[in-house]
Amino acid sequence: MKLKKLSAILLGLLGVVTLSGCSQNDRSGTFYEIFVKPMDLSLSKIHEYTGSWGWSIVIITLVIRLLVLPFMLNNYKVQNKSRKGQELARPELEVVQKKQKAAKEKAKAEAKAAKEKAKAEAKAAKEKAKAEAKASKERTKTDAKATNEKQKIDNDIASIVPAVQVVKK
């Protein structure tokens, strides 16, 4: 791709350099000798025969088109051959495209399933944490009740011990 861009730039610069030496008064140089002078002479000769500059331009245009015709025909052949090659390859390309589409859909489905699995695992972990918190809270309540019961028993024992000591005396 870079080579194409570089070629286009170099060709453009070559054209600018070639054409930059042209002026109305300058009748020398490569461009004038190769392109302008033959075209000027041809138009003048055709004008002598036709007597009209319009017809001279039309005729010179047709001559140039006839000179370029073999290149245009070759280009059309290449395009036609390329189109036929694409038509032959189209069924194979469709198969490959279907496989790619199926693989893409499969990957998308797997990603969706993994996301849902992760979501479910997160939800289960959250519920487990809630259950553990609830159980911990229940244990705390039970422990508090047990502590209160123990305290009552200790208080009861403490109140009975002095009474027993009084009875012993």
C-alpha atoms as a PDB file:
ATOM      1  CA  MET A   1       0.000   0.000   0.000  1.00  0.00           C
ATOM      2  CA  LYS A   2       2.821   2.376   0.875  1.00  0.00           C
ATOM      3  CA  LEU A   3       4.500   1.550  -2.415  1.00  0.00           C
ATOM      4  CA  LYS A   4       1.371   2.603  -4.319  1.00  0.00           C
ATOM      5  CA  LYS A   5       1.183   5.883  -2.430  1.00  0.00           C
ATOM      6  CA  LEU A   6       4.864   6.539  -2.985  1.00  0.00           C
ATOM      7  CA  SER A   7       4.495   5.746  -6.699  1.00  0.00           C
ATOM      8  CA  ALA A   8       1.536   8.113  -7.008  1.00  0.00           C
ATOM      9  CA  ILE A   9       3.415  10.895  -5.246  1.00  0.00           C
ATOM     10  CA  LEU A  10       6.512  10.425  -7.399  1.00  0.00           C
ATOM     11  CA  LEU A  11       4.420  10.361 -10.568  1.00  0.00           C
ATOM     12  CA  GLY A  12       2.666  13.559  -9.492  1.00  0.00           C
ATOM     13  CA  LEU A  13       5.968  15.263  -8.748  1.00  0.00           C
ATOM     14  CA  LEU A  14       7.345  14.128 -12.110  1.00  0.00           C
ATOM     15  CA  GLY A  15       4.278  15.613 -13.821  1.00  0.00           C
ATOM     16  CA  VAL A  16       4.670  18.898 -11.959  1.00  0.00           C
ATOM     17  CA  VAL A  17       8.350  19.105 -12.851  1.00  0.00           C
ATOM     18  CA  THR A  18       7.652  18.221 -16.491  1.00  0.00           C
ATOM     19  CA  LEU A  19       4.791  20.671 -16.878  1.00  0.00           C
ATOM     20  CA  SER A  20       6.267  23.497 -14.824  1.00  0.00           C
ATOM     21  CA  GLY A  21       8.610  24.480 -17.632  1.00  0.00           C
ATOM     22  CA  CYS A  22       5.743  25.260 -20.027  1.00  0.00           C
ATOM     23  CA  SER A  23       4.708  28.788 -20.904  1.00  0.00           C
ATOM     24  CA  GLN A  24       2.959  30.441 -23.845  1.00  0.00           C
ATOM     25  CA  ASN A  25       6.129  31.879 -25.295  1.00  0.00           C
ATOM     26  CA  ASP A  26       8.348  28.857 -24.645  1.00  0.00           C
ATOM     27  CA  ARG A  27       8.178  26.542 -27.645  1.00  0.00           C
ATOM     28  CA  SER A  28      10.974  24.236 -26.583  1.00  0.00           C
ATOM     29  CA  GLY A  29      11.241  21.418 -24.109  1.00  0.00           C
ATOM     30  CA  THR A  30      10.293  17.789 -23.844  1.00  0.00           C
ATOM     31  CA  PHE A  31       6.592  18.232 -23.213  1.00  0.00           C
ATOM     32  CA  TYR A  32       6.188  20.651 -26.071  1.00  0.00           C
ATOM     33  CA  GLU A  33       8.147  18.465 -28.496  1.00  0.00           C
ATOM     34  CA  ILE A  34       6.364  15.204 -27.537  1.00  0.00           C
ATOM     35  CA  PHE A  35       2.766  16.311 -26.971  1.00  0.00           C
ATOM     36  CA  VAL A  36       1.956  19.880 -27.937  1.00  0.00           C
ATOM     37  CA  LYS A  37       3.777  20.263 -31.248  1.00  0.00           C
ATOM     38  CA  PRO A  38       2.362  17.062 -32.860  1.00  0.00           C
ATOM     39  CA  MET A  39      -1.142  17.926 -31.626  1.00  0.00           C
ATOM     40  CA  ASP A  40      -0.822  21.487 -32.962  1.00  0.00           C
ATOM     41  CA  LEU A  41       0.403  20.281 -36.359  1.00  0.00           C
ATOM     42  CA  SER A  42      -2.321  17.605 -36.538  1.00  0.00           C
ATOM     43  CA  LEU A  43      -5.083  20.090 -35.693  1.00  0.00           C
ATOM     44  CA  SER A  44      -3.728  22.559 -38.283  1.00  0.00           C
ATOM     45  CA  LYS A  45      -3.594  19.885 -41.046  1.00  0.00           C
ATOM     46  CA  ILE A  46      -7.104  18.631 -40.252  1.00  0.00           C
ATOM     47  CA  HIS A  47      -8.357  22.235 -40.202  1.00  0.00           C
ATOM     48  CA  GLU A  48      -6.934  22.730 -43.724  1.00  0.00           C
ATOM     49  CA  TYR A  49      -9.063  19.792 -44.954  1.00  0.00           C
ATOM     50  CA  THR A  50     -12.263  20.452 -42.981  1.00  0.00           C
ATOM     51  CA  GLY A  51     -12.196  24.222 -42.683  1.00  0.00           C
ATOM     52  CA  SER A  52     -13.610  23.995 -39.139  1.00  0.00           C
ATOM     53  CA  TRP A  53     -11.753  23.900 -35.837  1.00  0.00           C
ATOM     54  CA  GLY A  54     -14.702  22.069 -34.229  1.00  0.00           C
ATOM     55  CA  TRP A  55     -14.543  19.190 -36.688  1.00  0.00           C
ATOM     56  CA  SER A  56     -10.761  19.157 -36.343  1.00  0.00           C
ATOM     57  CA  ILE A  57     -11.104  18.632 -32.587  1.00  0.00           C
ATOM     58  CA  VAL A  58     -13.737  15.890 -33.060  1.00  0.00           C
ATOM     59  CA  ILE A  59     -11.556  14.041 -35.564  1.00  0.00           C
ATOM     60  CA  ILE A  60      -8.417  14.289 -33.421  1.00  0.00           C
ATOM     61  CA  THR A  61     -10.445  13.017 -30.449  1.00  0.00           C
ATOM     62  CA  LEU A  62     -11.622   9.999 -32.465  1.00  0.00           C
ATOM     63  CA  VAL A  63      -8.056   9.269 -33.606  1.00  0.00           C
ATOM     64  CA  ILE A  64      -6.770   9.398 -30.028  1.00  0.00           C
ATOM     65  CA  ARG A  65      -9.616   7.129 -28.879  1.00  0.00           C
ATOM     66  CA  LEU A  66      -8.731   4.636 -31.632  1.00  0.00           C
ATOM     67  CA  LEU A  67      -5.096   4.688 -30.495  1.00  0.00           C
ATOM     68  CA  VAL A  68      -6.121   4.040 -26.879  1.00  0.00           C
ATOM     69  CA  LEU A  69      -8.745   1.396 -27.826  1.00  0.00           C
ATOM     70  CA  PRO A  70      -6.447  -1.668 -27.505  1.00  0.00           C
ATOM     71  CA  PHE A  71      -5.564  -0.666 -23.936  1.00  0.00           C
ATOM     72  CA  MET A  72      -9.230  -0.138 -23.066  1.00  0.00           C
ATOM     73  CA  LEU A  73     -10.193  -3.533 -24.550  1.00  0.00           C
ATOM     74  CA  ASN A  74      -7.432  -5.226 -22.585  1.00  0.00           C
ATOM     75  CA  ASN A  75      -8.711  -3.543 -19.437  1.00  0.00           C
ATOM     76  CA  TYR A  76     -12.254  -4.751 -20.145  1.00  0.00           C
ATOM     77  CA  LYS A  77     -10.971  -8.319 -20.642  1.00  0.00           C
ATOM     78  CA  VAL A  78      -9.122  -8.235 -17.333  1.00  0.00           C
ATOM     79  CA  GLN A  79     -12.203  -6.890 -15.553  1.00  0.00           C
ATOM     80  CA  ASN A  80     -14.415  -9.562 -17.114  1.00  0.00           C
ATOM     81  CA  LYS A  81     -11.961 -12.309 -16.155  1.00  0.00           C
ATOM     82  CA  SER A  82     -11.816 -10.961 -12.604  1.00  0.00           C
ATOM     83  CA  ARG A  83     -15.623 -10.868 -12.383  1.00  0.00           C
ATOM     84  CA  LYS A  84     -15.876 -14.480 -13.602  1.00  0.00           C
ATOM     85  CA  GLY A  85     -13.263 -15.535 -11.057  1.00  0.00           C
ATOM     86  CA  GLN A  86     -15.278 -13.883  -8.320  1.00  0.00           C
ATOM     87  CA  GLU A  87     -18.428 -15.659  -9.492  1.00  0.00           C
ATOM     88  CA  LEU A  88     -16.606 -19.000  -9.364  1.00  0.00           C
ATOM     89  CA  ALA A  89     -15.254 -18.308  -5.907  1.00  0.00           C
ATOM     90  CA  ARG A  90     -18.548 -16.979  -4.529  1.00  0.00           C
ATOM     91  CA  PRO A  91     -19.936 -20.385  -3.337  1.00  0.00           C
ATOM     92  CA  GLU A  92     -16.706 -21.142  -1.498  1.00  0.00           C
ATOM     93  CA  LEU A  93     -16.666 -17.674   0.010  1.00  0.00           C
ATOM     94  CA  GLU A  94     -20.255 -18.090   1.187  1.00  0.00           C
ATOM     95  CA  VAL A  95     -19.322 -21.342   2.954  1.00  0.00           C
ATOM     96  CA  VAL A  96     -16.410 -19.637   4.688  1.00  0.00           C
ATOM     97  CA  GLN A  97     -18.591 -16.662   5.627  1.00  0.00           C
ATOM     98  CA  LYS A  98     -21.237 -18.996   7.094  1.00  0.00           C
ATOM     99  CA  LYS A  99     -18.560 -20.766   9.139  1.00  0.00           C
ATOM    100  CA  GLN A 100     -17.258 -17.452  10.400  1.00  0.00           C
ATOM    101  CA  LYS A 101     -20.760 -16.325  11.286  1.00  0.00           C
ATOM    102  CA  ALA A 102     -21.466 -19.600  13.121  1.00  0.00           C
ATOM    103  CA  ALA A 103     -18.185 -19.340  15.027  1.00  0.00           C
ATOM    104  CA  LYS A 104     -18.965 -15.756  15.962  1.00  0.00           C
ATOM    105  CA  GLU A 105     -22.450 -16.696  17.168  1.00  0.00           C
ATOM    106  CA  LYS A 106     -21.028 -19.637  19.136  1.00  0.00           C
ATOM    107  CA  ALA A 107     -18.465 -17.385  20.786  1.00  0.00           C
ATOM    108  CA  LYS A 108     -21.189 -14.869  21.586  1.00  0.00           C
ATOM    109  CA  ALA A 109     -23.381 -17.604  23.110  1.00  0.00           C
ATOM    110  CA  GLU A 110     -20.458 -18.927  25.169  1.00  0.00           C
ATOM    111  CA  ALA A 111     -19.702 -15.444  26.428  1.00  0.00           C
ATOM    112  CA  LYS A 112     -23.360 -14.951  27.348  1.00  0.00           C
ATOM    113  CA  ALA A 113     -23.442 -18.308  29.155  1.00  0.00           C
ATOM    114  CA  ALA A 114     -20.244 -17.470  31.038  1.00  0.00           C
ATOM    115  CA  LYS A 115     -21.694 -14.098  32.014  1.00  0.00           C
ATOM    116  CA  GLU A 116     -24.908 -15.709  33.257  1.00  0.00           C
ATOM    117  CA  LYS A 117     -22.897 -18.341  35.158  1.00  0.00           C
ATOM    118  CA  ALA A 118     -20.804 -15.647  36.807  1.00  0.00           C
ATOM    119  CA  LYS A 119     -23.974 -13.744  37.646  1.00  0.00           C
ATOM    120  CA  ALA A 120     -25.542 -16.867  39.191  1.00  0.00           C
ATOM    121  CA  GLU A 121     -22.360 -17.591  41.170  1.00  0.00           C
ATOM    122  CA  ALA A 122     -22.288 -14.015  42.434  1.00  0.00           C
ATOM    123  CA  LYS A 123     -25.936 -14.275  43.441  1.00  0.00           C
ATOM    124  CA  ALA A 124     -25.298 -17.601  45.217  1.00  0.00           C
ATOM    125  CA  ALA A 125     -22.281 -16.117  47.011  1.00  0.00           C
ATOM    126  CA  LYS A 126     -24.382 -13.139  48.078  1.00  0.00           C
ATOM    127  CA  GLU A 127     -27.144 -15.425  49.385  1.00  0.00           C
ATOM    128  CA  LYS A 128     -24.559 -17.564  51.187  1.00  0.00           C
ATOM    129  CA  ALA A 129     -23.090 -14.452  52.792  1.00  0.00           C
ATOM    130  CA  LYS A 130     -26.591 -13.374  53.851  1.00  0.00           C
ATOM    131  CA  ALA A 131     -27.278 -16.821  55.311  1.00  0.00           C
ATOM    132  CA  GLU A 132     -23.960 -16.794  57.165  1.00  0.00           C
ATOM    133  CA  ALA A 133     -24.674 -13.318  58.499  1.00  0.00           C
ATOM    134  CA  LYS A 134     -28.107 -14.447  59.637  1.00  0.00           C
ATOM    135  CA  ALA A 135     -26.652 -17.560  61.277  1.00  0.00           C
ATOM    136  CA  SER A 136     -23.995 -15.440  62.958  1.00  0.00           C
ATOM    137  CA  LYS A 137     -26.687 -13.101  64.214  1.00  0.00           C
ATOM    138  CA  GLU A 138     -28.669 -16.075  65.540  1.00  0.00           C
ATOM    139  CA  ARG A 139     -25.541 -17.434  67.253  1.00  0.00           C
ATOM    140  CA  THR A 140     -24.944 -14.033  68.787  1.00  0.00           C
ATOM    141  CA  LYS A 141     -28.517 -13.976  70.093  1.00  0.00           C
ATOM    142  CA  THR A 142     -28.182 -17.533  71.422  1.00  0.00           C
ATOM    143  CA  ASP A 143     -24.845 -16.700  73.005  1.00  0.00           C
ATOM    144  CA  ALA A 144     -26.372 -13.600  74.573  1.00  0.00           C
ATOM    145  CA  LYS A 145     -29.274 -15.667  75.950  1.00  0.00           C
ATOM    146  CA  ALA A 146     -26.849 -18.253  77.302  1.00  0.00           C
ATOM    147  CA  THR A 147     -24.776 -15.522  78.915  1.00  0.00           C
ATOM    148  CA  ASN A 148     -27.915 -14.028  80.465  1.00  0.00           C
ATOM    149  CA  GLU A 149     -28.987 -17.465  81.717  1.00  0.00           C
ATOM    150  CA  LYS A 150     -25.534 -18.056  83.173  1.00  0.00           C
ATOM    151  CA  GLN A 151     -25.603 -14.634  84.800  1.00  0.00           C
ATOM    152  CA  LYS A 152     -28.988 -15.389  86.369  1.00  0.00           C
ATOM    153  CA  ILE A 153     -27.742 -18.714  87.643  1.00  0.00           C
ATOM    154  CA  ASP A 154     -24.596 -17.056  89.015  1.00  0.00           C
ATOM    155  CA  ASN A 155     -26.754 -14.388  90.666  1.00  0.00           C
ATOM    156  CA  ASP A 156     -29.039 -17.039  92.107  1.00  0.00           C
ATOM    157  CA  ILE A 157     -26.034 -18.988  93.411  1.00  0.00           C
ATOM    158  CA  ALA A 158     -24.549 -15.820  94.811  1.00  0.00           C
ATOM    159  CA  SER A 159     -27.773 -15.086  96.661  1.00  0.00           C
ATOM    160  CA  ILE A 160     -28.036 -18.668  97.953  1.00  0.00           C
ATOM    161  CA  VAL A 161     -24.412 -18.893  99.153  1.00  0.00           C
ATOM    162  CA  PRO A 162     -24.770 -16.201 101.850  1.00  0.00           C
ATOM    163  CA  ALA A 163     -28.005 -17.792 103.014  1.00  0.00           C
ATOM    164  CA  VAL A 164     -26.260 -21.173 103.265  1.00  0.00           C
ATOM    165  CA  GLN A 165     -23.390 -19.610 105.157  1.00  0.00           C
ATOM    166  CA  VAL A 166     -25.862 -18.053 107.586  1.00  0.00           C
ATOM    167  CA  VAL A 167     -27.512 -21.442 108.112  1.00  0.00           C
ATOM    168  CA  LYS A 168     -24.106 -23.080 108.740  1.00  0.00           C
ATOM    169  CA  LYS A 169     -23.288 -20.640 111.453  1.00  0.00           C
END
